[in-house]
């Protein structure tokens, strides 16, 4: 991973709880990730026009693997 590698969005969770589950999944495969939200979770307990959405970001070089893991997990 280079110092100038950019972060890319790999998933948009509907809540902080869902984002935390995805974060745990990715980190269990040694993929560090970052969560970004526009609103505090305590203010918006559910998504209204995207207000409680949490974006999950990973380094560009790990994005494909992260997306594969998320899809595999979501499909059961």
Protein backbone atom coordinates (compact mmCIF):
# COMPACT_ATOMS: atom_id res chain seq x y z
CA UNK A 1 0.00 0.00 0.00
CA UNK A 2 1.50 3.29 -1.02
CA UNK A 3 1.16 6.50 0.95
CA UNK A 4 -0.78 8.19 -1.83
CA UNK A 5 -3.23 5.36 -2.44
CA UNK A 6 -6.79 6.62 -2.38
CA UNK A 7 -9.78 5.34 -0.45
CA UNK A 8 -12.73 4.04 -2.44
CA UNK A 9 -16.28 3.24 -1.43
CA UNK A 10 -17.09 -0.47 -1.51
CA UNK A 11 -20.47 -0.47 0.20
CA UNK A 12 -23.17 1.88 1.44
CA UNK A 13 -24.80 0.59 4.63
CA UNK A 14 -28.28 1.69 5.67
CA UNK A 15 -27.30 2.02 9.33
CA UNK A 16 -24.31 2.20 11.62
CA UNK A 17 -25.10 -1.30 12.89
CA UNK A 18 -24.95 -2.75 9.37
CA UNK A 19 -21.73 -0.81 8.72
CA UNK A 20 -20.13 -2.25 11.85
CA UNK A 21 -20.97 -5.79 10.72
CA UNK A 22 -19.37 -5.17 7.31
CA UNK A 23 -16.36 -3.51 8.97
CA UNK A 24 -15.87 -6.58 11.20
CA UNK A 25 -16.14 -8.87 8.19
CA UNK A 26 -13.51 -6.98 6.21
CA UNK A 27 -11.15 -6.62 9.15
CA UNK A 28 -11.37 -10.37 9.81
CA UNK A 29 -9.77 -10.75 6.35
CA UNK A 30 -7.08 -8.14 7.15
CA UNK A 31 -8.75 -5.45 5.06
CA UNK A 32 -8.67 -2.19 7.03
CA UNK A 33 -11.69 -0.03 6.40
CA UNK A 34 -13.05 3.34 7.34
CA UNK A 35 -16.62 4.42 7.96
CA UNK A 36 -17.96 7.76 6.80
CA UNK A 37 -21.37 9.16 7.62
CA UNK A 38 -23.09 12.51 7.20
CA UNK A 39 -25.08 12.22 10.43
CA UNK A 40 -24.57 10.98 13.96
CA UNK A 41 -26.14 7.51 14.37
CA UNK A 42 -27.91 8.60 17.54
CA UNK A 43 -29.75 11.29 15.57
CA UNK A 44 -30.94 9.08 12.71
CA UNK A 45 -31.77 5.53 13.71
CA UNK A 46 -33.02 4.69 10.23
CA UNK A 47 -32.35 5.95 6.73
CA UNK A 48 -34.39 8.92 5.57
CA UNK A 49 -33.22 10.16 2.18
CA UNK A 50 -29.80 8.65 2.91
CA UNK A 51 -29.24 10.58 6.14
CA UNK A 52 -28.19 7.52 8.19
CA UNK A 53 -26.23 5.85 5.42
CA UNK A 54 -22.68 4.92 6.26
CA UNK A 55 -20.13 4.63 3.47
CA UNK A 56 -17.53 1.90 3.84
CA UNK A 57 -14.17 2.85 2.38
CA UNK A 58 -11.05 0.75 1.77
CA UNK A 59 -7.75 1.31 0.02
CA UNK A 60 -8.08 1.10 -3.75
CA UNK A 61 -5.78 -1.95 -3.95
CA UNK A 62 -8.11 -3.90 -1.62
CA UNK A 63 -11.44 -2.80 -3.10
CA UNK A 64 -12.07 -5.77 -5.40
CA UNK A 65 -11.44 -8.31 -2.64
CA UNK A 66 -13.58 -6.31 -0.19
CA UNK A 67 -16.49 -6.19 -2.65
CA UNK A 68 -16.21 -9.96 -3.24
CA UNK A 69 -16.36 -10.64 0.49
CA UNK A 70 -19.34 -8.36 0.99
CA UNK A 71 -21.29 -9.89 -1.89
CA UNK A 72 -20.49 -13.39 -0.67
CA UNK A 73 -21.60 -12.51 2.86
CA UNK A 74 -24.80 -10.79 1.69
CA UNK A 75 -25.73 -13.79 -0.50
CA UNK A 76 -25.43 -16.13 2.44
